[in-house]
C-alpha atoms as a PDB file:
ATOM      1  CA  MET A   1      -0.148   0.037   0.051  1.00  0.00           C
ATOM      2  CA  ASP A   2       1.057   3.811  -0.211  1.00  0.00           C
ATOM      3  CA  THR A   3       2.707   5.545   2.597  1.00  0.00           C
ATOM      4  CA  THR A   4      -0.587   7.509   3.682  1.00  0.00           C
ATOM      5  CA  THR A   5      -2.561   4.327   3.902  1.00  0.00           C
ATOM      6  CA  HIS A   6      -0.076   2.852   5.965  1.00  0.00           C
ATOM      7  CA  ILE A   7       0.052   5.778   8.356  1.00  0.00           C
ATOM      8  CA  VAL A   8      -3.711   5.426   8.812  1.00  0.00           C
ATOM      9  CA  MET A   9      -3.599   1.744   9.258  1.00  0.00           C
ATOM     10  CA  GLY A  10      -0.984   2.274  12.111  1.00  0.00           C
ATOM     11  CA  ILE A  11      -3.386   4.907  13.655  1.00  0.00           C
ATOM     12  CA  SER A  12      -6.053   2.719  13.639  1.00  0.00           C
ATOM     13  CA  LEU A  13      -4.113  -0.182  15.186  1.00  0.00           C
ATOM     14  CA  GLY A  14      -2.706   1.982  17.974  1.00  0.00           C
ATOM     15  CA  GLY A  15      -6.616   2.890  18.700  1.00  0.00           C
ATOM     16  CA  LEU A  16      -7.466  -0.658  18.728  1.00  0.00           C
ATOM     17  CA  ALA A  17      -4.557  -1.178  21.178  1.00  0.00           C
ATOM     18  CA  THR A  18      -6.456   0.671  23.646  1.00  0.00           C
ATOM     19  CA  ILE A  19      -8.667  -2.184  24.558  1.00  0.00           C
ATOM     20  CA  ASP A  20      -5.911  -4.258  25.621  1.00  0.00           C
ATOM     21  CA  PRO A  21      -6.274  -4.017  29.683  1.00  0.00           C
ATOM     22  CA  ALA A  22      -2.495  -3.661  29.966  1.00  0.00           C
ATOM     23  CA  VAL A  23      -2.504  -0.729  27.669  1.00  0.00           C
ATOM     24  CA  ALA A  24      -5.678   0.917  29.151  1.00  0.00           C
ATOM     25  CA  SER A  25      -4.592   0.726  32.645  1.00  0.00           C
ATOM     26  CA  ASN A  26      -1.266   2.280  32.094  1.00  0.00           C
ATOM     27  CA  PRO A  27      -1.212   5.920  31.571  1.00  0.00           C
ATOM     28  CA  VAL A  28       2.184   5.795  29.558  1.00  0.00           C
ATOM     29  CA  MET A  29       1.159   2.771  27.450  1.00  0.00           C
ATOM     30  CA  PRO A  30      -1.350   4.488  24.929  1.00  0.00           C
ATOM     31  CA  GLY A  31       1.243   6.884  23.631  1.00  0.00           C
ATOM     32  CA  ALA A  32       3.894   4.302  23.586  1.00  0.00           C
ATOM     33  CA  VAL A  33       1.705   1.739  21.799  1.00  0.00           C
ATOM     34  CA  MET A  34       0.839   4.365  19.397  1.00  0.00           C
ATOM     35  CA  ALA A  35       4.377   5.279  18.514  1.00  0.00           C
ATOM     36  CA  CYS A  36       5.122   1.646  18.255  1.00  0.00           C
ATOM     37  CA  ALA A  37       2.228   1.086  15.754  1.00  0.00           C
ATOM     38  CA  ILE A  38       2.853   4.173  13.604  1.00  0.00           C
ATOM     39  CA  ILE A  39       6.416   3.204  13.067  1.00  0.00           C
ATOM     40  CA  GLY A  40       5.980  -0.373  12.856  1.00  0.00           C
ATOM     41  CA  SER A  41       3.288   0.261  10.083  1.00  0.00           C
ATOM     42  CA  GLN A  42       6.153   2.092   8.239  1.00  0.00           C
ATOM     43  CA  ALA A  43       9.271   0.407   9.058  1.00  0.00           C
ATOM     44  CA  PRO A  44       9.242  -2.341   6.138  1.00  0.00           C
ATOM     45  CA  ASP A  45       9.284   0.612   3.705  1.00  0.00           C
ATOM     46  CA  PHE A  46      12.198   2.217   4.942  1.00  0.00           C
ATOM     47  CA  ASP A  47      14.031   0.604   2.003  1.00  0.00           C
ATOM     48  CA  THR A  48      12.594   3.555  -0.167  1.00  0.00           C
ATOM     49  CA  VAL A  49      15.987   5.189   0.713  1.00  0.00           C
ATOM     50  CA  LEU A  50      17.413   2.795  -2.138  1.00  0.00           C
ATOM     51  CA  LYS A  51      16.039   5.170  -4.523  1.00  0.00           C
ATOM     52  CA  LEU A  52      18.789   7.797  -3.491  1.00  0.00           C
ATOM     53  CA  ARG A  53      21.139   5.115  -5.040  1.00  0.00           C
ATOM     54  CA  ASN A  54      19.501   4.288  -8.479  1.00  0.00           C
ATOM     55  CA  ASN A  55      16.242   2.844  -9.871  1.00  0.00           C
ATOM     56  CA  ALA A  56      17.858  -0.693 -10.466  1.00  0.00           C
ATOM     57  CA  VAL A  57      18.866  -1.021  -6.779  1.00  0.00           C
ATOM     58  CA  TYR A  58      15.488   0.014  -5.694  1.00  0.00           C
ATOM     59  CA  ILE A  59      13.349  -2.157  -8.189  1.00  0.00           C
ATOM     60  CA  ARG A  60      15.481  -5.249  -7.310  1.00  0.00           C
ATOM     61  CA  ASN A  61      15.270  -4.712  -3.487  1.00  0.00           C
ATOM     62  CA  HIS A  62      12.191  -2.736  -2.643  1.00  0.00           C
ATOM     63  CA  ARG A  63       9.499  -5.088  -0.809  1.00  0.00           C
ATOM     64  CA  GLY A  64      12.115  -7.856  -0.645  1.00  0.00           C
ATOM     65  CA  LEU A  65      14.489  -8.330   2.443  1.00  0.00           C
ATOM     66  CA  THR A  66      12.565  -5.698   4.610  1.00  0.00           C
ATOM     67  CA  HIS A  67       9.429  -7.369   4.209  1.00  0.00           C
ATOM     68  CA  SER A  68      10.977 -10.835   4.932  1.00  0.00           C
ATOM     69  CA  ILE A  69      10.335 -13.089   8.088  1.00  0.00           C
ATOM     70  CA  PRO A  70      13.452 -12.151   9.886  1.00  0.00           C
ATOM     71  CA  ALA A  71      12.877  -8.575   9.039  1.00  0.00           C
ATOM     72  CA  VAL A  72       9.513  -8.596  10.605  1.00  0.00           C
ATOM     73  CA  LEU A  73      10.947 -10.081  13.648  1.00  0.00           C
ATOM     74  CA  ILE A  74      13.973  -7.575  13.740  1.00  0.00           C
ATOM     75  CA  TRP A  75      11.755  -4.509  13.262  1.00  0.00           C
ATOM     76  CA  THR A  76       9.629  -5.632  16.055  1.00  0.00           C
ATOM     77  CA  LEU A  77      12.602  -6.070  18.387  1.00  0.00           C
ATOM     78  CA  LEU A  78      14.066  -3.045  17.305  1.00  0.00           C
ATOM     79  CA  ILE A  79      11.067  -0.636  17.611  1.00  0.00           C
ATOM     80  CA  SER A  80       9.494  -1.971  20.694  1.00  0.00           C
ATOM     81  CA  GLY A  81      12.835  -2.117  22.371  1.00  0.00           C
ATOM     82  CA  VAL A  82      13.704   1.546  21.528  1.00  0.00           C
ATOM     83  CA  ILE A  83      10.451   2.891  22.581  1.00  0.00           C
ATOM     84  CA  SER A  84      10.165   0.884  25.893  1.00  0.00           C
ATOM     85  CA  LEU A  85      13.495   2.560  26.709  1.00  0.00           C
ATOM     86  CA  LEU A  86      12.545   6.019  25.871  1.00  0.00           C
ATOM     87  CA  VAL A  87       9.121   5.506  27.592  1.00  0.00           C
ATOM     88  CA  SER A  88       9.831   5.128  31.448  1.00  0.00           C
ATOM     89  CA  GLY A  89       7.295   2.704  32.911  1.00  0.00           C
ATOM     90  CA  SER A  90       5.964   1.113  29.734  1.00  0.00           C
ATOM     91  CA  ASP A  91       5.166  -2.574  29.285  1.00  0.00           C
ATOM     92  CA  TRP A  92       7.908  -4.121  26.746  1.00  0.00           C
ATOM     93  CA  LEU A  93       5.740  -7.317  26.120  1.00  0.00           C
ATOM     94  CA  HIS A  94       2.587  -5.495  25.173  1.00  0.00           C
ATOM     95  CA  LEU A  95       4.599  -3.170  23.071  1.00  0.00           C
ATOM     96  CA  LEU A  96       6.429  -6.001  21.443  1.00  0.00           C
ATOM     97  CA  LEU A  97       2.891  -7.518  20.713  1.00  0.00           C
ATOM     98  CA  TRP A  98       1.237  -4.275  19.188  1.00  0.00           C
ATOM     99  CA  THR A  99       4.612  -3.563  17.262  1.00  0.00           C
ATOM    100  CA  PHE A 100       4.560  -7.118  15.869  1.00  0.00           C
ATOM    101  CA  ILE A 101       0.790  -6.769  14.643  1.00  0.00           C
ATOM    102  CA  ALA A 102       1.549  -3.569  12.903  1.00  0.00           C
ATOM    103  CA  VAL A 103       4.706  -4.585  11.211  1.00  0.00           C
ATOM    104  CA  PHE A 104       2.985  -7.931  10.083  1.00  0.00           C
ATOM    105  CA  LEU A 105      -0.063  -6.228   8.960  1.00  0.00           C
ATOM    106  CA  HIS A 106       2.212  -3.815   6.667  1.00  0.00           C
ATOM    107  CA  VAL A 107       3.346  -6.961   5.006  1.00  0.00           C
ATOM    108  CA  PHE A 108       0.346  -8.852   4.810  1.00  0.00           C
ATOM    109  CA  VAL A 109      -1.472  -6.142   3.203  1.00  0.00           C
ATOM    110  CA  ASP A 110       1.257  -5.380   0.666  1.00  0.00           C
ATOM    111  CA  ILE A 111       0.786  -9.200  -0.987  1.00  0.00           C
ATOM    112  CA  PHE A 112      -2.694  -8.183  -1.990  1.00  0.00           C
ATOM    113  CA  ASN A 113      -0.996  -5.544  -4.535  1.00  0.00           C
ATOM    114  CA  ALA A 114       0.078  -6.284  -8.035  1.00  0.00           C
ATOM    115  CA  TYR A 115       3.609  -5.346  -6.841  1.00  0.00           C
ATOM    116  CA  GLY A 116       3.845  -7.894  -4.022  1.00  0.00           C
ATOM    117  CA  THR A 117       6.413  -8.813  -1.656  1.00  0.00           C
ATOM    118  CA  GLN A 118       9.028 -11.427  -1.074  1.00  0.00           C
ATOM    119  CA  ALA A 119       7.365 -12.226   2.453  1.00  0.00           C
ATOM    120  CA  LEU A 120       8.560 -15.759   2.437  1.00  0.00           C
ATOM    121  CA  ARG A 121      12.134 -15.156   2.580  1.00  0.00           C
ATOM    122  CA  PRO A 122      14.578 -16.774   3.424  1.00  0.00           C
ATOM    123  CA  PHE A 123      12.269 -19.972   2.567  1.00  0.00           C
ATOM    124  CA  SER A 124      11.439 -18.740  -0.856  1.00  0.00           C
ATOM    125  CA  ASN A 125      12.499 -15.691  -3.027  1.00  0.00           C
ATOM    126  CA  ARG A 126       9.298 -15.804  -4.961  1.00  0.00           C
ATOM    127  CA  TRP A 127       7.115 -12.665  -5.187  1.00  0.00           C
ATOM    128  CA  ILE A 128       3.718 -13.070  -3.620  1.00  0.00           C
ATOM    129  CA  ALA A 129       1.455 -10.695  -5.677  1.00  0.00           C
ATOM    130  CA  LEU A 130      -2.130 -11.424  -5.246  1.00  0.00           C
ATOM    131  CA  GLY A 131      -3.089  -8.329  -7.452  1.00  0.00           C
ATOM    132  CA  VAL A 132      -6.425  -7.525  -5.992  1.00  0.00           C
ATOM    133  CA  ILE A 133      -5.953  -4.445  -4.137  1.00  0.00           C
ATOM    134  CA  ASN A 134      -4.512  -1.154  -5.922  1.00  0.00           C
ATOM    135  CA  ILE A 135      -1.401   0.645  -4.319  1.00  0.00           C
ATOM    136  CA  PHE A 136      -3.902   3.190  -3.054  1.00  0.00           C
ATOM    137  CA  ASP A 137      -7.324   2.206  -2.456  1.00  0.00           C
ATOM    138  CA  PRO A 138      -9.750   5.126  -1.562  1.00  0.00           C
ATOM    139  CA  PHE A 139     -11.990   2.850   0.271  1.00  0.00           C
ATOM    140  CA  ILE A 140      -9.592   1.362   2.559  1.00  0.00           C
ATOM    141  CA  PHE A 141      -8.208   4.917   3.221  1.00  0.00           C
ATOM    142  CA  THR A 142     -11.500   6.328   3.600  1.00  0.00           C
ATOM    143  CA  ALA A 143     -12.627   3.881   5.957  1.00  0.00           C
ATOM    144  CA  HIS A 144      -9.567   4.087   8.176  1.00  0.00           C
ATOM    145  CA  LEU A 145      -9.896   7.994   8.039  1.00  0.00           C
ATOM    146  CA  ILE A 146     -13.673   7.674   9.192  1.00  0.00           C
ATOM    147  CA  ALA A 147     -13.025   5.495  12.111  1.00  0.00           C
ATOM    148  CA  ILE A 148     -10.268   7.577  13.455  1.00  0.00           C
ATOM    149  CA  LEU A 149     -12.318  10.636  13.111  1.00  0.00           C
ATOM    150  CA  LEU A 150     -15.126   8.950  15.048  1.00  0.00           C
ATOM    151  CA  TRP A 151     -12.716   7.903  17.569  1.00  0.00           C
ATOM    152  CA  TRP A 152     -10.924  10.931  18.066  1.00  0.00           C
ATOM    153  CA  SER A 153     -14.301  13.047  18.198  1.00  0.00           C
ATOM    154  CA  ASN A 154     -15.507  10.583  21.082  1.00  0.00           C
ATOM    155  CA  LEU A 155     -18.699   9.909  19.161  1.00  0.00           C
ATOM    156  CA  LEU A 156     -17.687   6.029  19.543  1.00  0.00           C
ATOM    157  CA  THR A 157     -15.186   4.333  21.790  1.00  0.00           C
ATOM    158  CA  ALA A 158     -11.969   2.356  20.453  1.00  0.00           C
ATOM    159  CA  GLY A 159     -13.453  -1.110  20.566  1.00  0.00           C
ATOM    160  CA  PRO A 160     -16.713  -0.649  18.681  1.00  0.00           C
ATOM    161  CA  VAL A 161     -15.335   1.562  15.864  1.00  0.00           C
ATOM    162  CA  PHE A 162     -11.991  -0.192  15.038  1.00  0.00           C
ATOM    163  CA  LEU A 163     -13.550  -3.860  15.603  1.00  0.00           C
ATOM    164  CA  SER A 164     -16.077  -2.809  13.065  1.00  0.00           C
ATOM    165  CA  LEU A 165     -13.455  -1.188  10.794  1.00  0.00           C
ATOM    166  CA  TYR A 166     -11.656  -4.472  10.779  1.00  0.00           C
ATOM    167  CA  GLY A 167     -14.524  -6.422  10.372  1.00  0.00           C
ATOM    168  CA  LEU A 168     -15.657  -4.256   7.027  1.00  0.00           C
ATOM    169  CA  LEU A 169     -12.228  -4.709   5.740  1.00  0.00           C
ATOM    170  CA  ILE A 170     -12.228  -8.489   5.934  1.00  0.00           C
ATOM    171  CA  VAL A 171     -15.570  -8.607   3.933  1.00  0.00           C
ATOM    172  CA  TYR A 172     -14.122  -6.019   1.517  1.00  0.00           C
ATOM    173  CA  TYR A 173     -10.964  -8.027   0.732  1.00  0.00           C
ATOM    174  CA  GLY A 174     -13.019 -11.017   0.356  1.00  0.00           C
ATOM    175  CA  TRP A 175     -15.414  -9.263  -2.188  1.00  0.00           C
ATOM    176  CA  ARG A 176     -12.069  -8.032  -4.143  1.00  0.00           C
ATOM    177  CA  ILE A 177     -10.752 -11.609  -4.352  1.00  0.00           C
ATOM    178  CA  PHE A 178     -14.004 -12.774  -5.692  1.00  0.00           C
ATOM    179  CA  GLU A 179     -13.976  -9.838  -8.423  1.00  0.00           C
ATOM    180  CA  LYS A 180     -10.481 -10.789  -9.513  1.00  0.00           C
ATOM    181  CA  LYS A 181     -11.662 -14.343  -9.839  1.00  0.00           C
ATOM    182  CA  GLN A 182     -14.634 -13.522 -12.071  1.00  0.00           C
ATOM    183  CA  VAL A 183     -12.337 -11.391 -14.195  1.00  0.00           C
ATOM    184  CA  VAL A 184      -9.801 -14.462 -14.452  1.00  0.00           C
ATOM    185  CA  GLN A 185     -12.925 -16.674 -15.543  1.00  0.00           C
ATOM    186  CA  ASN A 186     -13.909 -14.352 -18.092  1.00  0.00           C
ATOM    187  CA  ALA A 187     -10.443 -14.230 -19.549  1.00  0.00           C
ATOM    188  CA  ARG A 188     -10.013 -17.995 -19.650  1.00  0.00           C
ATOM    189  CA  GLN A 189     -13.634 -18.198 -21.398  1.00  0.00           C
ATOM    190  CA  LEU A 190     -12.329 -15.995 -24.265  1.00  0.00           C
ATOM    191  CA  HIS A 191      -8.639 -17.786 -24.229  1.00  0.00           C
ATOM    192  CA  PRO A 192      -9.058 -21.257 -22.805  1.00  0.00           C
ATOM    193  CA  ASP A 193      -5.542 -21.906 -24.445  1.00  0.00           C
ATOM    194  CA  ALA A 194      -3.829 -19.084 -21.849  1.00  0.00           C
ATOM    195  CA  THR A 195      -0.966 -20.121 -20.046  1.00  0.00           C
ATOM    196  CA  HIS A 196      -0.760 -17.043 -17.843  1.00  0.00           C
ATOM    197  CA  ILE A 197      -3.465 -14.527 -16.905  1.00  0.00           C
ATOM    198  CA  PHE A 198      -1.908 -11.359 -15.384  1.00  0.00           C
ATOM    199  CA  VAL A 199      -4.441  -9.329 -13.407  1.00  0.00           C
ATOM    200  CA  SER A 200      -3.537  -5.764 -11.892  1.00  0.00           C
ATOM    201  CA  PRO A 201      -6.394  -3.673 -10.283  1.00  0.00           C
ATOM    202  CA  SER A 202      -6.884  -0.226 -11.085  1.00  0.00           C
ATOM    203  CA  ILE A 203      -7.958   2.635  -8.649  1.00  0.00           C
ATOM    204  CA  ARG A 204     -11.777   1.775  -9.894  1.00  0.00           C
ATOM    205  CA  TRP A 205     -13.409  -0.966  -8.464  1.00  0.00           C
ATOM    206  CA  ASN A 206     -14.891  -2.139 -11.936  1.00  0.00           C
ATOM    207  CA  GLN A 207     -11.491  -1.789 -13.772  1.00  0.00           C
ATOM    208  CA  TRP A 208      -8.786  -4.418 -14.067  1.00  0.00           C
ATOM    209  CA  HIS A 209      -5.672  -4.271 -16.425  1.00  0.00           C
ATOM    210  CA  LEU A 210      -5.161  -7.727 -18.104  1.00  0.00           C
ATOM    211  CA  VAL A 211      -2.319  -9.226 -19.902  1.00  0.00           C
ATOM    212  CA  ILE A 212      -3.374 -12.752 -21.249  1.00  0.00           C
ATOM    213  CA  ARG A 213      -0.622 -14.964 -22.348  1.00  0.00           C
ATOM    214  CA  THR A 214      -1.040 -18.145 -24.858  1.00  0.00           C
ATOM    215  CA  PRO A 215       1.635 -20.246 -26.343  1.00  0.00           C
ATOM    216  CA  THR A 216       1.973 -17.670 -29.192  1.00  0.00           C
ATOM    217  CA  MET A 217       0.236 -14.365 -28.355  1.00  0.00           C
ATOM    218  CA  LEU A 218       0.294 -11.679 -25.519  1.00  0.00           C
ATOM    219  CA  HIS A 219      -3.118  -9.984 -25.379  1.00  0.00           C
ATOM    220  CA  VAL A 220      -3.174  -6.692 -23.505  1.00  0.00           C
ATOM    221  CA  ALA A 221      -6.692  -6.064 -22.194  1.00  0.00           C
ATOM    222  CA  GLU A 222      -9.067  -4.308 -19.479  1.00  0.00           C
ATOM    223  CA  SER A 223     -11.955  -5.723 -17.893  1.00  0.00           C
ATOM    224  CA  ARG A 224     -14.582  -2.946 -17.086  1.00  0.00           C
ATOM    225  CA  GLN A 225     -17.946  -3.976 -15.615  1.00  0.00           C
ATOM    226  CA  ARG A 226     -16.772  -7.493 -16.199  1.00  0.00           C
ATOM    227  CA  GLU A 227     -16.556  -7.047 -19.992  1.00  0.00           C
ATOM    228  CA  ILE A 228     -13.221  -7.421 -21.558  1.00  0.00           C
ATOM    229  CA  ASN A 229     -11.999  -5.018 -24.080  1.00  0.00           C
ATOM    230  CA  PHE A 230      -8.615  -5.714 -25.962  1.00  0.00           C
ATOM    231  CA  PHE A 231      -6.149  -3.220 -26.974  1.00  0.00           C
ATOM    232  CA  GLU A 232      -2.933  -4.693 -28.168  1.00  0.00           C
ATOM    233  CA  ARG A 233      -1.790  -8.113 -29.563  1.00  0.00           C
ATOM    234  CA  TYR A 234       1.855  -8.970 -29.767  1.00  0.00           C
ATOM    235  CA  LYS A 235       3.359 -12.352 -30.740  1.00  0.00           C
ATOM    236  CA  PHE A 236       4.947 -13.789 -27.643  1.00  0.00           C
ATOM    237  CA  VAL A 237       8.709 -14.508 -28.383  1.00  0.00           C
ATOM    238  CA  PRO A 238      10.810 -15.736 -25.630  1.00  0.00           C
ATOM    239  CA  ILE A 239      14.119 -13.676 -25.016  1.00  0.00           C
ATOM    240  CA  PRO A 240      16.540 -15.130 -27.668  1.00  0.00           C
ATOM    241  CA  GLU A 241      19.987 -15.935 -27.073  1.00  0.00           C
ATOM    242  CA  THR A 242      21.574 -13.548 -29.271  1.00  0.00           C
ATOM    243  CA  ASP A 243      24.937 -11.422 -28.875  1.00  0.00           C
ATOM    244  CA  ILE A 244      22.964  -8.330 -28.432  1.00  0.00           C
ATOM    245  CA  ILE A 245      20.535  -9.351 -26.045  1.00  0.00           C
ATOM    246  CA  ASN A 246      22.951 -11.470 -23.817  1.00  0.00           C
ATOM    247  CA  ALA A 247      25.401  -8.141 -23.553  1.00  0.00           C
ATOM    248  CA  ALA A 248      22.037  -6.013 -22.808  1.00  0.00           C
ATOM    249  CA  ARG A 249      21.401  -8.612 -20.097  1.00  0.00           C
ATOM    250  CA  LYS A 250      24.503  -7.670 -18.250  1.00  0.00           C
ATOM    251  CA  ASP A 251      23.655  -4.341 -17.671  1.00  0.00           C
ATOM    252  CA  PRO A 252      22.192  -3.783 -13.931  1.00  0.00           C
ATOM    253  CA  ASN A 253      19.024  -1.831 -15.077  1.00  0.00           C
ATOM    254  CA  LEU A 254      17.574  -4.420 -17.630  1.00  0.00           C
ATOM    255  CA  SER A 255      18.628  -7.310 -15.051  1.00  0.00           C
ATOM    256  CA  ALA A 256      16.438  -5.491 -12.278  1.00  0.00           C
ATOM    257  CA  PHE A 257      13.531  -4.952 -14.604  1.00  0.00           C
ATOM    258  CA  LEU A 258      13.650  -8.804 -15.634  1.00  0.00           C
ATOM    259  CA  SER A 259      14.054  -9.679 -11.940  1.00  0.00           C
ATOM    260  CA  PHE A 260      10.511  -8.080 -11.291  1.00  0.00           C
ATOM    261  CA  SER A 261       8.442  -8.100 -14.333  1.00  0.00           C
ATOM    262  CA  PRO A 262       6.395 -11.180 -15.164  1.00  0.00           C
ATOM    263  CA  THR A 263       4.901  -9.989 -18.504  1.00  0.00           C
ATOM    264  CA  TYR A 264       6.833  -7.950 -21.157  1.00  0.00           C
ATOM    265  CA  ARG A 265       7.531  -7.288 -24.723  1.00  0.00           C
ATOM    266  CA  TRP A 266      10.909  -6.625 -26.185  1.00  0.00           C
ATOM    267  CA  GLU A 267      12.468  -5.117 -29.180  1.00  0.00           C
ATOM    268  CA  VAL A 268      15.924  -4.396 -30.600  1.00  0.00           C
ATOM    269  CA  ASP A 269      16.864  -1.485 -32.888  1.00  0.00           C
ATOM    270  CA  GLU A 270      20.402  -2.171 -34.448  1.00  0.00           C
ATOM    271  CA  SER A 271      20.449   1.038 -36.749  1.00  0.00           C
ATOM    272  CA  LYS A 272      20.067   4.013 -34.317  1.00  0.00           C
ATOM    273  CA  ASP A 273      22.882   6.346 -35.150  1.00  0.00           C
ATOM    274  CA  GLY A 274      25.683   4.000 -34.979  1.00  0.00           C
ATOM    275  CA  MET A 275      24.051   2.633 -31.674  1.00  0.00           C
ATOM    276  CA  GLN A 276      22.429  -0.439 -30.808  1.00  0.00           C
ATOM    277  CA  GLU A 277      19.455  -0.394 -28.622  1.00  0.00           C
ATOM    278  CA  VAL A 278      17.237  -3.155 -26.708  1.00  0.00           C
ATOM    279  CA  ARG A 279      14.040  -1.900 -25.104  1.00  0.00           C
ATOM    280  CA  PHE A 280      11.649  -3.728 -22.698  1.00  0.00           C
ATOM    281  CA  TYR A 281       8.249  -2.693 -21.963  1.00  0.00           C
ATOM    282  CA  ASP A 282       6.200  -4.172 -18.983  1.00  0.00           C
ATOM    283  CA  LEU A 283       2.610  -4.798 -20.534  1.00  0.00           C
ATOM    284  CA  ARG A 284       0.824  -5.036 -17.093  1.00  0.00           C
ATOM    285  CA  TYR A 285       0.731  -0.869 -16.698  1.00  0.00           C
ATOM    286  CA  ARG A 286      -0.758   0.254 -19.928  1.00  0.00           C
ATOM    287  CA  SER A 287      -1.662   3.920 -19.473  1.00  0.00           C
ATOM    288  CA  LYS A 288      -3.415   5.946 -22.212  1.00  0.00           C
ATOM    289  CA  GLY A 289      -2.134   3.732 -24.962  1.00  0.00           C
ATOM    290  CA  HIS A 290       1.540   3.962 -23.419  1.00  0.00           C
ATOM    291  CA  TYR A 291       3.695   1.318 -21.330  1.00  0.00           C
ATOM    292  CA  PRO A 292       5.330   3.770 -18.843  1.00  0.00           C
ATOM    293  CA  PHE A 293       7.543   1.074 -16.949  1.00  0.00           C
ATOM    294  CA  VAL A 294      10.364   0.283 -19.244  1.00  0.00           C
ATOM    295  CA  ALA A 295      14.005  -0.645 -19.249  1.00  0.00           C
ATOM    296  CA  ILE A 296      16.372   0.412 -22.080  1.00  0.00           C
ATOM    297  CA  VAL A 297      20.091  -0.394 -22.837  1.00  0.00           C
ATOM    298  CA  GLN A 298      22.038   1.411 -25.391  1.00  0.00           C
ATOM    299  CA  MET A 299      25.437  -0.045 -26.776  1.00  0.00           C
ATOM    300  CA  ASP A 300      27.915   0.711 -29.325  1.00  0.00           C
ATOM    301  CA  GLN A 301      28.710  -1.653 -32.235  1.00  0.00           C
ATOM    302  CA  ASP A 302      31.044  -3.752 -30.156  1.00  0.00           C
ATOM    303  CA  TYR A 303      28.376  -4.226 -27.474  1.00  0.00           C
ATOM    304  CA  ASN A 304      30.078  -1.862 -25.199  1.00  0.00           C
ATOM    305  CA  ILE A 305      27.104  -0.488 -23.031  1.00  0.00           C
ATOM    306  CA  VAL A 306      27.082   3.332 -23.510  1.00  0.00           C
ATOM    307  CA  SER A 307      23.709   4.219 -21.310  1.00  0.00           C
ATOM    308  CA  SER A 308      20.717   2.248 -19.792  1.00  0.00           C
ATOM    309  CA  TYR A 309      17.790   3.099 -17.700  1.00  0.00           C
ATOM    310  CA  THR A 310      14.806   1.386 -15.938  1.00  0.00           C
ATOM    311  CA  GLY A 311      11.836   2.982 -14.305  1.00  0.00           C
ATOM    312  CA  TRP A 312       8.609   4.933 -15.131  1.00  0.00           C
ATOM    313  CA  VAL A 313       8.581   7.394 -17.900  1.00  0.00           C
ATOM    314  CA  PHE A 314       5.505   8.845 -19.737  1.00  0.00           C
ATOM    315  CA  SER A 315       7.176  10.207 -22.927  1.00  0.00           C
ATOM    316  CA  GLU A 316       9.965   9.491 -25.331  1.00  0.00           C
ATOM    317  CA  GLU A 317      11.398  13.098 -24.693  1.00  0.00           C
ATOM    318  CA  THR A 318      11.630  12.308 -20.824  1.00  0.00           C
ATOM    319  CA  LEU A 319      13.289   9.123 -21.564  1.00  0.00           C
ATOM    320  CA  GLN A 320      15.811  10.497 -23.658  1.00  0.00           C
ATOM    321  CA  LYS A 321      16.902  13.152 -21.204  1.00  0.00           C
ATOM    322  CA  LYS A 322      17.032  10.312 -18.471  1.00  0.00           C
ATOM    323  CA  LEU A 323      19.457   8.349 -20.860  1.00  0.00           C
ATOM    324  CA  LYS A 324      21.687  11.553 -21.223  1.00  0.00           C
ATOM    325  CA  VAL A 325      21.661  12.029 -17.714  1.00  0.00           C
ATOM    326  CA  VAL A 326      23.003   8.387 -16.830  1.00  0.00           C
ATOM    327  CA  THR A 327      25.408   8.863 -20.018  1.00  0.00           C
END
């Protein structure tokens, strides 16, 4: 989820924690638990600092190690330990409990996005991405905000308001999972030979991005009101073992892109003003007829890498500027 949603989740969890007798009976605990819940709900995303290095490092590592099983335990121990030292008279065991819930909840809700996490590391490096909730979901954010305001305004006590909130969200997540299954079923009816169906939620409830892969084709489509509309079709051609492709794959930007993107198309241009160029487009993120998540590698005639880039760009002009900066 996005940062603002994780913040309101942390506040809501801190509010829910006040129904814990050990928190309610200790005057220093509500504030301490709230600090643990808010920080814990943000901690796994501290790897965003990797953007300061470059996009390749960020793409390859974001939601990876910091969302793993060991990381959840480390964040929990670190945050609860520091807060317990700073807040005299606090109950460390209960800080530990609510911090763990906050960190775990962050990782858990992230697996429902299309981006996903490596939540099972070190047992598996597989990305778990259920693709049923958009990175920013207006309903989830608004529901948390309303619950917080009802609590802060003393219209409702913490127990009823936040237990009702989480009950509502369980139903909502169940409904979104059901809707995605319907989209997949509809896609399989149209393409029973599909080997993969990639579904990404949009910010609208009734709109889903689709890439349907068959043994020979890639179909880029959209499901709206459970009706599937097709945009582009590309031949499905596995990445070949050619000199130019093999040279490009050594580049960190393209390597990071391929480690993250499960469905893409690629093209090679060997006549670009004495340069050779390899481009990859992630087909999941079509926007206004454009595929903004790309990887590009430019090489000379001897396959020496001159410039490369991976990330989000929404125009060719912007992409060329970024390549010049990298060069």
